[in-house]
Each structure stands twice: as C-alpha cells, then as structure tokens.
C-alpha cells in the first residue's frame, strides 16, 4: 500500500509528472533480445531512435528510456525482456523512484544488486 500524505497517495515518479509504471510480472516482458529496435517518438525523441541490442551500452540506454517513459504496460511488454532486464539491472542508470518501485514489486531485481 502506498504511503499517504493526508488523503492523497504518494506516487513514485519516474520524472516530474510521470508516475512509475511497473509490470505485474517479469515473465510478461517478452520484448526483443537481439537486432535493431526502433522506439516510437513518445518513448525516445533523441536524434537516433534505433538501438542495436548487440551493443551493451545501447541496450542499457534503451531499457533506461523505456523504464522512465512508458505509460502503458504494453510498452513495457513490447520493448523489455524479463531475463535481460534482470541481467542488466545493476548497470542501468535509473531515477531512485523507478529502481525502488521495480525492486519493491520484483524482489528478484533487488537480489540482482
């Protein structure tokens, strides 16, 4: 149950005005594990929207952006892969609220640290 301030729940934020979205299970994350992935403009608005998953830095960069920017569980399912997320979890540069929310829901990620 989330902490409350008066009657309003305290919602962890991925960034200002963006609540953290967490998948219900890691097994539902069935995104790609190889190849080139192009994120939609809503998830990545930088100059280069294609990520080569064979390059660890690009994979981490894509995962960080999806974890911060996703507003629909379908986006998490489409672009993240559960076992890959566990494998790279400690290398991701994430806002504290994102890391805390995901680790609270999925203790396996917390144990990966």
C-alpha atoms as a PDB file:
ATOM      1  CA  UNK A   1       0.000   0.000   0.000  1.00  0.00           C
ATOM      2  CA  UNK A   2       1.486   3.381  -0.936  1.00  0.00           C
ATOM      3  CA  UNK A   3       2.344   5.892   1.757  1.00  0.00           C
ATOM      4  CA  UNK A   4      -0.127   8.743   2.065  1.00  0.00           C
ATOM      5  CA  UNK A   5       0.068  12.418   2.800  1.00  0.00           C
ATOM      6  CA  UNK A   6      -3.250  13.358   4.306  1.00  0.00           C
ATOM      7  CA  UNK A   7      -5.648  11.511   1.966  1.00  0.00           C
ATOM      8  CA  UNK A   8      -3.591  11.708  -1.229  1.00  0.00           C
ATOM      9  CA  UNK A   9      -1.365   8.711  -2.019  1.00  0.00           C
ATOM     10  CA  UNK A  10       2.308   9.355  -2.624  1.00  0.00           C
ATOM     11  CA  UNK A  11       3.081   8.071  -6.111  1.00  0.00           C
ATOM     12  CA  UNK A  12       6.702   7.348  -7.080  1.00  0.00           C
ATOM     13  CA  UNK A  13       7.702   9.443 -10.091  1.00  0.00           C
ATOM     14  CA  UNK A  14       9.971   8.402 -12.944  1.00  0.00           C
ATOM     15  CA  UNK A  15      10.450  12.097 -13.630  1.00  0.00           C
ATOM     16  CA  UNK A  16       8.293  15.164 -12.854  1.00  0.00           C
ATOM     17  CA  UNK A  17       4.630  14.438 -13.608  1.00  0.00           C
ATOM     18  CA  UNK A  18       5.370  10.866 -14.785  1.00  0.00           C
ATOM     19  CA  UNK A  19       4.326   8.079 -12.391  1.00  0.00           C
ATOM     20  CA  UNK A  20       6.483   4.961 -12.397  1.00  0.00           C
ATOM     21  CA  UNK A  21       4.856   2.114 -14.295  1.00  0.00           C
ATOM     22  CA  UNK A  22       5.810  -1.408 -13.186  1.00  0.00           C
ATOM     23  CA  UNK A  23       4.893  -4.659 -14.941  1.00  0.00           C
ATOM     24  CA  UNK A  24       2.976  -7.171 -12.865  1.00  0.00           C
ATOM     25  CA  UNK A  25       5.434  -9.975 -13.651  1.00  0.00           C
ATOM     26  CA  UNK A  26       8.850 -10.215 -15.253  1.00  0.00           C
ATOM     27  CA  UNK A  27       7.642 -13.112 -17.411  1.00  0.00           C
ATOM     28  CA  UNK A  28       5.193 -10.862 -19.247  1.00  0.00           C
ATOM     29  CA  UNK A  29       8.138  -8.806 -20.556  1.00  0.00           C
ATOM     30  CA  UNK A  30       8.707 -10.562 -23.872  1.00  0.00           C
ATOM     31  CA  UNK A  31      10.393  -7.844 -25.902  1.00  0.00           C
ATOM     32  CA  UNK A  32      13.213  -8.396 -28.372  1.00  0.00           C
ATOM     33  CA  UNK A  33      16.572  -9.791 -27.328  1.00  0.00           C
ATOM     34  CA  UNK A  34      18.554  -9.113 -30.497  1.00  0.00           C
ATOM     35  CA  UNK A  35      18.663  -6.961 -33.582  1.00  0.00           C
ATOM     36  CA  UNK A  36      17.767  -3.333 -34.117  1.00  0.00           C
ATOM     37  CA  UNK A  37      14.852  -1.834 -32.212  1.00  0.00           C
ATOM     38  CA  UNK A  38      13.290   1.476 -33.099  1.00  0.00           C
ATOM     39  CA  UNK A  39      11.463   3.141 -30.252  1.00  0.00           C
ATOM     40  CA  UNK A  40       8.454   5.288 -31.027  1.00  0.00           C
ATOM     41  CA  UNK A  41       8.878   9.030 -30.702  1.00  0.00           C
ATOM     42  CA  UNK A  42       6.837   9.002 -27.480  1.00  0.00           C
ATOM     43  CA  UNK A  43       9.492   6.853 -25.764  1.00  0.00           C
ATOM     44  CA  UNK A  44      12.580   8.351 -27.378  1.00  0.00           C
ATOM     45  CA  UNK A  45      12.765  11.758 -29.021  1.00  0.00           C
ATOM     46  CA  UNK A  46      16.533  11.916 -29.463  1.00  0.00           C
ATOM     47  CA  UNK A  47      18.308  12.147 -32.789  1.00  0.00           C
ATOM     48  CA  UNK A  48      18.820   8.403 -33.081  1.00  0.00           C
ATOM     49  CA  UNK A  49      15.797   6.256 -32.285  1.00  0.00           C
ATOM     50  CA  UNK A  50      17.247   2.899 -33.309  1.00  0.00           C
ATOM     51  CA  UNK A  51      19.041   0.750 -30.749  1.00  0.00           C
ATOM     52  CA  UNK A  52      21.312  -2.180 -31.577  1.00  0.00           C
ATOM     53  CA  UNK A  53      20.694  -4.703 -28.809  1.00  0.00           C
ATOM     54  CA  UNK A  54      24.034  -6.393 -29.506  1.00  0.00           C
ATOM     55  CA  UNK A  55      25.768  -3.314 -28.078  1.00  0.00           C
ATOM     56  CA  UNK A  56      25.518  -3.352 -24.255  1.00  0.00           C
ATOM     57  CA  UNK A  57      25.543   0.439 -23.976  1.00  0.00           C
ATOM     58  CA  UNK A  58      22.698   0.827 -26.455  1.00  0.00           C
ATOM     59  CA  UNK A  59      20.692  -1.939 -24.803  1.00  0.00           C
ATOM     60  CA  UNK A  60      21.054  -0.252 -21.413  1.00  0.00           C
ATOM     61  CA  UNK A  61      20.184   3.140 -22.887  1.00  0.00           C
ATOM     62  CA  UNK A  62      17.002   1.757 -24.461  1.00  0.00           C
ATOM     63  CA  UNK A  63      15.949  -0.010 -21.249  1.00  0.00           C
ATOM     64  CA  UNK A  64      16.549   3.141 -19.184  1.00  0.00           C
ATOM     65  CA  UNK A  65      14.358   5.199 -21.508  1.00  0.00           C
ATOM     66  CA  UNK A  66      11.542   2.653 -21.645  1.00  0.00           C
ATOM     67  CA  UNK A  67      11.541   2.278 -17.842  1.00  0.00           C
ATOM     68  CA  UNK A  68      11.377   6.071 -17.400  1.00  0.00           C
ATOM     69  CA  UNK A  69       8.943   6.946 -20.188  1.00  0.00           C
ATOM     70  CA  UNK A  70       6.453   4.069 -20.526  1.00  0.00           C
ATOM     71  CA  UNK A  71       2.863   4.950 -19.680  1.00  0.00           C
ATOM     72  CA  UNK A  72       1.279   1.683 -20.849  1.00  0.00           C
ATOM     73  CA  UNK A  73       2.122  -1.841 -19.736  1.00  0.00           C
ATOM     74  CA  UNK A  74       2.038  -2.812 -23.416  1.00  0.00           C
ATOM     75  CA  UNK A  75       5.081  -0.599 -23.973  1.00  0.00           C
ATOM     76  CA  UNK A  76       6.975  -2.439 -21.243  1.00  0.00           C
ATOM     77  CA  UNK A  77       5.947  -5.790 -22.738  1.00  0.00           C
ATOM     78  CA  UNK A  78       6.902  -4.779 -26.268  1.00  0.00           C
ATOM     79  CA  UNK A  79      10.388  -3.416 -25.558  1.00  0.00           C
ATOM     80  CA  UNK A  80      11.673  -5.108 -22.397  1.00  0.00           C
ATOM     81  CA  UNK A  81      12.636  -8.757 -21.919  1.00  0.00           C
ATOM     82  CA  UNK A  82      12.380 -10.110 -18.355  1.00  0.00           C
ATOM     83  CA  UNK A  83      15.573 -12.212 -18.192  1.00  0.00           C
ATOM     84  CA  UNK A  84      17.529  -9.455 -19.956  1.00  0.00           C
ATOM     85  CA  UNK A  85      16.201  -6.867 -17.500  1.00  0.00           C
ATOM     86  CA  UNK A  86      17.423  -8.998 -14.585  1.00  0.00           C
ATOM     87  CA  UNK A  87      20.822  -9.425 -16.254  1.00  0.00           C
ATOM     88  CA  UNK A  88      21.399  -5.695 -16.896  1.00  0.00           C
ATOM     89  CA  UNK A  89      19.546  -4.296 -13.856  1.00  0.00           C
ATOM     90  CA  UNK A  90      22.668  -3.309 -11.899  1.00  0.00           C
ATOM     91  CA  UNK A  91      24.104  -1.464 -14.911  1.00  0.00           C
ATOM     92  CA  UNK A  92      21.060   0.740 -15.536  1.00  0.00           C
ATOM     93  CA  UNK A  93      21.141   4.415 -14.605  1.00  0.00           C
ATOM     94  CA  UNK A  94      17.634   4.950 -13.263  1.00  0.00           C
ATOM     95  CA  UNK A  95      15.912   7.506 -11.055  1.00  0.00           C
ATOM     96  CA  UNK A  96      15.691   6.245  -7.468  1.00  0.00           C
ATOM     97  CA  UNK A  97      11.898   6.092  -7.616  1.00  0.00           C
ATOM     98  CA  UNK A  98      11.970   3.855 -10.696  1.00  0.00           C
ATOM     99  CA  UNK A  99      14.510   1.478  -9.173  1.00  0.00           C
ATOM    100  CA  UNK A 100      12.658   1.376  -5.839  1.00  0.00           C
ATOM    101  CA  UNK A 101       9.246   0.730  -7.431  1.00  0.00           C
ATOM    102  CA  UNK A 102      10.543  -2.095  -9.639  1.00  0.00           C
ATOM    103  CA  UNK A 103      12.532  -3.695  -6.804  1.00  0.00           C
ATOM    104  CA  UNK A 104       9.553  -3.486  -4.450  1.00  0.00           C
ATOM    105  CA  UNK A 105       7.369  -5.338  -6.978  1.00  0.00           C
ATOM    106  CA  UNK A 106      10.096  -7.744  -8.153  1.00  0.00           C
ATOM    107  CA  UNK A 107      12.447  -8.841  -5.331  1.00  0.00           C
ATOM    108  CA  UNK A 108      14.495 -10.752  -7.928  1.00  0.00           C
ATOM    109  CA  UNK A 109      15.763  -7.373  -9.202  1.00  0.00           C
ATOM    110  CA  UNK A 110      16.703  -6.295  -5.685  1.00  0.00           C
ATOM    111  CA  UNK A 111      18.631  -9.538  -5.224  1.00  0.00           C
ATOM    112  CA  UNK A 112      20.470  -8.910  -8.517  1.00  0.00           C
ATOM    113  CA  UNK A 113      22.215  -5.987  -6.827  1.00  0.00           C
END
